[in-house]
């Protein structure tokens, strides 16, 4: 499977029934590493919403389901 675009969206609850949404889309080149681009995109969105806590939820798994790399 060839991935050409990655899209990440996050909604932040502001309280009082209000929320803020921020989303970004990245186009992938053949030379780009998919996991690295996805992780960076998520970090940008979290930073823009003020949720820059250093935690990113992307994980890369082997075919047998073992976690190779946590980001």
PDB file of N, CA and C in Angstrom:
ATOM      1  N   UNK A   1       0.842  -1.174   0.000  1.00  0.00           N
ATOM      2  CA  UNK A   1       0.000   0.000   0.000  1.00  0.00           C
ATOM      3  C   UNK A   1       0.886   1.235   0.000  1.00  0.00           C
ATOM      4  N   UNK A   2       0.557   2.174  -0.825  1.00  0.00           N
ATOM      5  CA  UNK A   2       1.318   3.418  -0.916  1.00  0.00           C
ATOM      6  C   UNK A   2       0.496   4.552  -0.301  1.00  0.00           C
ATOM      7  N   UNK A   3       1.032   5.163   0.738  1.00  0.00           N
ATOM      8  CA  UNK A   3       0.364   6.280   1.405  1.00  0.00           C
ATOM      9  C   UNK A   3       0.846   7.576   0.759  1.00  0.00           C
ATOM     10  N   UNK A   4      -0.081   8.419   0.367  1.00  0.00           N
ATOM     11  CA  UNK A   4       0.273   9.681  -0.278  1.00  0.00           C
ATOM     12  C   UNK A   4       0.002  10.890   0.604  1.00  0.00           C
ATOM     13  N   UNK A   5      -0.961  10.760   1.519  1.00  0.00           N
ATOM     14  CA  UNK A   5      -1.371  11.879   2.358  1.00  0.00           C
ATOM     15  C   UNK A   5      -1.651  11.394   3.775  1.00  0.00           C
ATOM     16  N   UNK A   6      -1.260  12.208   4.758  1.00  0.00           N
ATOM     17  CA  UNK A   6      -1.588  11.932   6.155  1.00  0.00           C
ATOM     18  C   UNK A   6      -2.387  13.123   6.676  1.00  0.00           C
ATOM     19  N   UNK A   7      -3.440  12.826   7.392  1.00  0.00           N
ATOM     20  CA  UNK A   7      -4.311  13.873   7.948  1.00  0.00           C
ATOM     21  C   UNK A   7      -4.448  13.612   9.438  1.00  0.00           C
ATOM     22  N   UNK A   8      -4.247  14.661  10.255  1.00  0.00           N
ATOM     23  CA  UNK A   8      -4.420  14.520  11.703  1.00  0.00           C
ATOM     24  C   UNK A   8      -5.267  15.677  12.207  1.00  0.00           C
ATOM     25  N   UNK A   9      -6.255  15.347  13.036  1.00  0.00           N
ATOM     26  CA  UNK A   9      -7.181  16.341  13.574  1.00  0.00           C
ATOM     27  C   UNK A   9      -7.343  16.085  15.064  1.00  0.00           C
ATOM     28  N   UNK A  10      -7.376  17.155  15.846  1.00  0.00           N
ATOM     29  CA  UNK A  10      -7.565  17.025  17.293  1.00  0.00           C
ATOM     30  C   UNK A  10      -8.536  18.104  17.750  1.00  0.00           C
ATOM     31  N   UNK A  11      -9.434  17.724  18.645  1.00  0.00           N
ATOM     32  CA  UNK A  11     -10.397  18.657  19.211  1.00  0.00           C
ATOM     33  C   UNK A  11     -10.063  18.825  20.690  1.00  0.00           C
ATOM     34  N   UNK A  12      -9.925  20.068  21.119  1.00  0.00           N
ATOM     35  CA  UNK A  12      -9.604  20.386  22.511  1.00  0.00           C
ATOM     36  C   UNK A  12     -10.839  20.974  23.184  1.00  0.00           C
ATOM     37  N   UNK A  13     -11.238  20.388  24.304  1.00  0.00           N
ATOM     38  CA  UNK A  13     -12.372  20.883  25.071  1.00  0.00           C
ATOM     39  C   UNK A  13     -11.926  22.112  25.854  1.00  0.00           C
ATOM     40  N   UNK A  14     -12.597  23.229  25.639  1.00  0.00           N
ATOM     41  CA  UNK A  14     -12.271  24.478  26.328  1.00  0.00           C
ATOM     42  C   UNK A  14     -13.145  24.705  27.558  1.00  0.00           C
ATOM     43  N   UNK A  15     -14.131  23.860  27.758  1.00  0.00           N
ATOM     44  CA  UNK A  15     -15.079  24.049  28.853  1.00  0.00           C
ATOM     45  C   UNK A  15     -16.247  24.896  28.396  1.00  0.00           C
ATOM     46  N   UNK A  16     -17.263  24.995  29.229  1.00  0.00           N
ATOM     47  CA  UNK A  16     -18.458  25.803  28.919  1.00  0.00           C
ATOM     48  C   UNK A  16     -19.044  25.460  27.550  1.00  0.00           C
ATOM     49  N   UNK A  17     -19.019  24.178  27.198  1.00  0.00           N
ATOM     50  CA  UNK A  17     -19.571  23.694  25.935  1.00  0.00           C
ATOM     51  C   UNK A  17     -18.878  24.285  24.711  1.00  0.00           C
ATOM     52  N   UNK A  18     -17.629  24.662  24.850  1.00  0.00           N
ATOM     53  CA  UNK A  18     -16.846  25.196  23.743  1.00  0.00           C
ATOM     54  C   UNK A  18     -15.676  24.257  23.461  1.00  0.00           C
ATOM     55  N   UNK A  19     -15.260  24.258  22.205  1.00  0.00           N
ATOM     56  CA  UNK A  19     -14.100  23.461  21.828  1.00  0.00           C
ATOM     57  C   UNK A  19     -13.333  24.178  20.723  1.00  0.00           C
ATOM     58  N   UNK A  20     -12.093  23.747  20.540  1.00  0.00           N
ATOM     59  CA  UNK A  20     -11.237  24.288  19.493  1.00  0.00           C
ATOM     60  C   UNK A  20     -10.714  23.108  18.685  1.00  0.00           C
ATOM     61  N   UNK A  21     -10.773  23.226  17.368  1.00  0.00           N
ATOM     62  CA  UNK A  21     -10.313  22.160  16.488  1.00  0.00           C
ATOM     63  C   UNK A  21      -9.136  22.660  15.671  1.00  0.00           C
ATOM     64  N   UNK A  22      -8.136  21.808  15.550  1.00  0.00           N
ATOM     65  CA  UNK A  22      -6.992  22.126  14.696  1.00  0.00           C
ATOM     66  C   UNK A  22      -6.647  20.866  13.920  1.00  0.00           C
ATOM     67  N   UNK A  23      -6.450  21.013  12.624  1.00  0.00           N
ATOM     68  CA  UNK A  23      -6.106  19.869  11.802  1.00  0.00           C
ATOM     69  C   UNK A  23      -5.061  20.260  10.769  1.00  0.00           C
ATOM     70  N   UNK A  24      -4.247  19.285  10.397  1.00  0.00           N
ATOM     71  CA  UNK A  24      -3.206  19.497   9.393  1.00  0.00           C
ATOM     72  C   UNK A  24      -3.164  18.285   8.462  1.00  0.00           C
ATOM     73  N   UNK A  25      -2.720  18.539   7.242  1.00  0.00           N
ATOM     74  CA  UNK A  25      -2.549  17.487   6.255  1.00  0.00           C
ATOM     75  C   UNK A  25      -1.150  17.588   5.681  1.00  0.00           C
ATOM     76  N   UNK A  26      -0.496  16.446   5.505  1.00  0.00           N
ATOM     77  CA  UNK A  26       0.844  16.413   4.934  1.00  0.00           C
ATOM     78  C   UNK A  26       0.847  15.496   3.718  1.00  0.00           C
ATOM     79  N   UNK A  27       1.473  15.946   2.646  1.00  0.00           N
ATOM     80  CA  UNK A  27       1.681  15.099   1.474  1.00  0.00           C
ATOM     81  C   UNK A  27       3.003  14.359   1.665  1.00  0.00           C
ATOM     82  N   UNK A  28       3.013  13.078   1.348  1.00  0.00           N
ATOM     83  CA  UNK A  28       4.167  12.220   1.576  1.00  0.00           C
ATOM     84  C   UNK A  28       4.932  12.011   0.277  1.00  0.00           C
ATOM     85  N   UNK A  29       6.245  12.217   0.342  1.00  0.00           N
ATOM     86  CA  UNK A  29       7.121  11.882  -0.777  1.00  0.00           C
ATOM     87  C   UNK A  29       7.633  10.458  -0.594  1.00  0.00           C
ATOM     88  N   UNK A  30       8.136   9.866  -1.660  1.00  0.00           N
ATOM     89  CA  UNK A  30       8.660   8.506  -1.573  1.00  0.00           C
ATOM     90  C   UNK A  30       9.833   8.405  -0.608  1.00  0.00           C
ATOM     91  N   UNK A  31      10.604   9.471  -0.463  1.00  0.00           N
ATOM     92  CA  UNK A  31      11.782   9.448   0.409  1.00  0.00           C
ATOM     93  C   UNK A  31      11.428   9.638   1.888  1.00  0.00           C
ATOM     94  N   UNK A  32      10.207  10.080   2.196  1.00  0.00           N
ATOM     95  CA  UNK A  32       9.793  10.320   3.580  1.00  0.00           C
ATOM     96  C   UNK A  32       9.505   9.011   4.302  1.00  0.00           C
ATOM     97  N   UNK A  33       9.825   8.979   5.587  1.00  0.00           N
ATOM     98  CA  UNK A  33       9.465   7.834   6.422  1.00  0.00           C
ATOM     99  C   UNK A  33       8.082   8.110   7.011  1.00  0.00           C
ATOM    100  N   UNK A  34       7.150   7.240   6.726  1.00  0.00           N
ATOM    101  CA  UNK A  34       5.742   7.441   7.082  1.00  0.00           C
ATOM    102  C   UNK A  34       5.545   7.707   8.574  1.00  0.00           C
ATOM    103  N   UNK A  35       6.128   6.890   9.426  1.00  0.00           N
ATOM    104  CA  UNK A  35       5.939   7.037  10.870  1.00  0.00           C
ATOM    105  C   UNK A  35       6.502   8.368  11.368  1.00  0.00           C
ATOM    106  N   UNK A  36       7.649   8.764  10.864  1.00  0.00           N
ATOM    107  CA  UNK A  36       8.255  10.033  11.272  1.00  0.00           C
ATOM    108  C   UNK A  36       7.375  11.221  10.870  1.00  0.00           C
ATOM    109  N   UNK A  37       6.843  11.194   9.663  1.00  0.00           N
ATOM    110  CA  UNK A  37       5.985  12.283   9.189  1.00  0.00           C
ATOM    111  C   UNK A  37       4.700  12.335  10.013  1.00  0.00           C
ATOM    112  N   UNK A  38       4.096  11.184  10.273  1.00  0.00           N
ATOM    113  CA  UNK A  38       2.857  11.137  11.056  1.00  0.00           C
ATOM    114  C   UNK A  38       3.092  11.655  12.473  1.00  0.00           C
ATOM    115  N   UNK A  39       4.195  11.265  13.067  1.00  0.00           N
ATOM    116  CA  UNK A  39       4.522  11.707  14.422  1.00  0.00           C
ATOM    117  C   UNK A  39       4.756  13.213  14.465  1.00  0.00           C
ATOM    118  N   UNK A  40       5.479  13.739  13.517  1.00  0.00           N
ATOM    119  CA  UNK A  40       5.744  15.182  13.458  1.00  0.00           C
ATOM    120  C   UNK A  40       4.452  15.967  13.250  1.00  0.00           C
ATOM    121  N   UNK A  41       3.576  15.458  12.408  1.00  0.00           N
ATOM    122  CA  UNK A  41       2.290  16.112  12.161  1.00  0.00           C
ATOM    123  C   UNK A  41       1.460  16.164  13.439  1.00  0.00           C
ATOM    124  N   UNK A  42       1.434  15.070  14.167  1.00  0.00           N
ATOM    125  CA  UNK A  42       0.698  15.031  15.429  1.00  0.00           C
ATOM    126  C   UNK A  42       1.302  16.017  16.430  1.00  0.00           C
ATOM    127  N   UNK A  43       2.620  16.076  16.517  1.00  0.00           N
ATOM    128  CA  UNK A  43       3.281  17.019  17.431  1.00  0.00           C
ATOM    129  C   UNK A  43       2.933  18.463  17.092  1.00  0.00           C
ATOM    130  N   UNK A  44       2.893  18.812  15.802  1.00  0.00           N
ATOM    131  CA  UNK A  44       2.533  20.171  15.390  1.00  0.00           C
ATOM    132  C   UNK A  44       1.117  20.529  15.843  1.00  0.00           C
ATOM    133  N   UNK A  45       0.189  19.624  15.611  1.00  0.00           N
ATOM    134  CA  UNK A  45      -1.208  19.886  15.973  1.00  0.00           C
ATOM    135  C   UNK A  45      -1.347  20.043  17.487  1.00  0.00           C
ATOM    136  N   UNK A  46      -0.745  19.147  18.262  1.00  0.00           N
ATOM    137  CA  UNK A  46      -0.815  19.246  19.719  1.00  0.00           C
ATOM    138  C   UNK A  46      -0.191  20.555  20.217  1.00  0.00           C
ATOM    139  N   UNK A  47       0.916  20.952  19.619  1.00  0.00           N
ATOM    140  CA  UNK A  47       1.574  22.205  20.002  1.00  0.00           C
ATOM    141  C   UNK A  47       0.667  23.402  19.719  1.00  0.00           C
ATOM    142  N   UNK A  48       0.037  23.405  18.564  1.00  0.00           N
ATOM    143  CA  UNK A  48      -0.826  24.532  18.199  1.00  0.00           C
ATOM    144  C   UNK A  48      -2.039  24.647  19.108  1.00  0.00           C
ATOM    145  N   UNK A  49      -2.475  23.527  19.694  1.00  0.00           N
ATOM    146  CA  UNK A  49      -3.604  23.552  20.628  1.00  0.00           C
ATOM    147  C   UNK A  49      -3.157  23.743  22.073  1.00  0.00           C
ATOM    148  N   UNK A  50      -1.851  23.874  22.286  1.00  0.00           N
ATOM    149  CA  UNK A  50      -1.350  24.052  23.643  1.00  0.00           C
ATOM    150  C   UNK A  50      -1.361  22.774  24.451  1.00  0.00           C
ATOM    151  N   UNK A  51      -1.285  21.633  23.779  1.00  0.00           N
ATOM    152  CA  UNK A  51      -1.289  20.335  24.446  1.00  0.00           C
ATOM    153  C   UNK A  51       0.092  19.701  24.312  1.00  0.00           C
ATOM    154  N   UNK A  52       1.115  20.495  24.252  1.00  0.00           N
ATOM    155  CA  UNK A  52       2.472  20.004  24.027  1.00  0.00           C
ATOM    156  C   UNK A  52       3.021  19.375  25.303  1.00  0.00           C
ATOM    157  N   UNK A  53       2.589  18.143  25.591  1.00  0.00           N
ATOM    158  CA  UNK A  53       3.032  17.458  26.809  1.00  0.00           C
ATOM    159  C   UNK A  53       4.093  16.402  26.532  1.00  0.00           C
ATOM    160  N   UNK A  54       4.567  16.336  25.291  1.00  0.00           N
ATOM    161  CA  UNK A  54       5.619  15.393  24.945  1.00  0.00           C
ATOM    162  C   UNK A  54       5.131  13.989  24.654  1.00  0.00           C
ATOM    163  N   UNK A  55       3.828  13.755  24.785  1.00  0.00           N
ATOM    164  CA  UNK A  55       3.291  12.415  24.549  1.00  0.00           C
ATOM    165  C   UNK A  55       2.676  12.340  23.156  1.00  0.00           C
ATOM    166  N   UNK A  56       3.120  11.364  22.407  1.00  0.00           N
ATOM    167  CA  UNK A  56       2.596  11.137  21.072  1.00  0.00           C
ATOM    168  C   UNK A  56       2.125   9.689  21.019  1.00  0.00           C
ATOM    169  N   UNK A  57       1.005   9.445  20.371  1.00  0.00           N
ATOM    170  CA  UNK A  57       0.390   8.124  20.441  1.00  0.00           C
ATOM    171  C   UNK A  57       0.746   7.198  19.285  1.00  0.00           C
ATOM    172  N   UNK A  58       1.579   7.632  18.367  1.00  0.00           N
ATOM    173  CA  UNK A  58       1.919   6.786  17.218  1.00  0.00           C
ATOM    174  C   UNK A  58       2.812   5.629  17.645  1.00  0.00           C
ATOM    175  N   UNK A  59       2.531   4.455  17.107  1.00  0.00           N
ATOM    176  CA  UNK A  59       3.351   3.270  17.372  1.00  0.00           C
ATOM    177  C   UNK A  59       3.567   2.517  16.074  1.00  0.00           C
ATOM    178  N   UNK A  60       4.693   1.878  15.975  1.00  0.00           N
ATOM    179  CA  UNK A  60       5.008   1.076  14.802  1.00  0.00           C
ATOM    180  C   UNK A  60       5.106  -0.378  15.236  1.00  0.00           C
ATOM    181  N   UNK A  61       4.406  -1.247  14.544  1.00  0.00           N
ATOM    182  CA  UNK A  61       4.352  -2.659  14.922  1.00  0.00           C
ATOM    183  C   UNK A  61       4.961  -3.544  13.830  1.00  0.00           C
ATOM    184  N   UNK A  62       5.491  -4.684  14.259  1.00  0.00           N
ATOM    185  CA  UNK A  62       5.942  -5.694  13.309  1.00  0.00           C
ATOM    186  C   UNK A  62       4.727  -6.495  12.849  1.00  0.00           C
ATOM    187  N   UNK A  63       4.934  -7.394  11.906  1.00  0.00           N
ATOM    188  CA  UNK A  63       3.825  -8.198  11.387  1.00  0.00           C
ATOM    189  C   UNK A  63       3.201  -9.080  12.467  1.00  0.00           C
ATOM    190  N   UNK A  64       3.979  -9.511  13.458  1.00  0.00           N
ATOM    191  CA  UNK A  64       3.436 -10.365  14.516  1.00  0.00           C
ATOM    192  C   UNK A  64       2.867  -9.566  15.690  1.00  0.00           C
ATOM    193  N   UNK A  65       2.793  -8.247  15.553  1.00  0.00           N
ATOM    194  CA  UNK A  65       2.126  -7.424  16.558  1.00  0.00           C
ATOM    195  C   UNK A  65       3.012  -6.852  17.642  1.00  0.00           C
ATOM    196  N   UNK A  66       4.310  -7.108  17.596  1.00  0.00           N
ATOM    197  CA  UNK A  66       5.200  -6.554  18.613  1.00  0.00           C
ATOM    198  C   UNK A  66       5.485  -5.074  18.320  1.00  0.00           C
ATOM    199  N   UNK A  67       5.552  -4.279  19.377  1.00  0.00           N
ATOM    200  CA  UNK A  67       5.870  -2.870  19.229  1.00  0.00           C
ATOM    201  C   UNK A  67       7.367  -2.728  18.971  1.00  0.00           C
ATOM    202  N   UNK A  68       7.694  -2.134  17.838  1.00  0.00           N
ATOM    203  CA  UNK A  68       9.088  -1.907  17.483  1.00  0.00           C
ATOM    204  C   UNK A  68       9.544  -0.568  18.023  1.00  0.00           C
ATOM    205  N   UNK A  69       8.658   0.401  17.983  1.00  0.00           N
ATOM    206  CA  UNK A  69       9.048   1.765  18.306  1.00  0.00           C
ATOM    207  C   UNK A  69       7.859   2.540  18.846  1.00  0.00           C
ATOM    208  N   UNK A  70       7.992   3.102  20.015  1.00  0.00           N
ATOM    209  CA  UNK A  70       6.987   4.021  20.561  1.00  0.00           C
ATOM    210  C   UNK A  70       7.470   5.439  20.327  1.00  0.00           C
ATOM    211  N   UNK A  71       6.558   6.315  19.990  1.00  0.00           N
ATOM    212  CA  UNK A  71       6.913   7.729  19.780  1.00  0.00           C
ATOM    213  C   UNK A  71       6.245   8.569  20.817  1.00  0.00           C
TER     214      UNK A  71
END
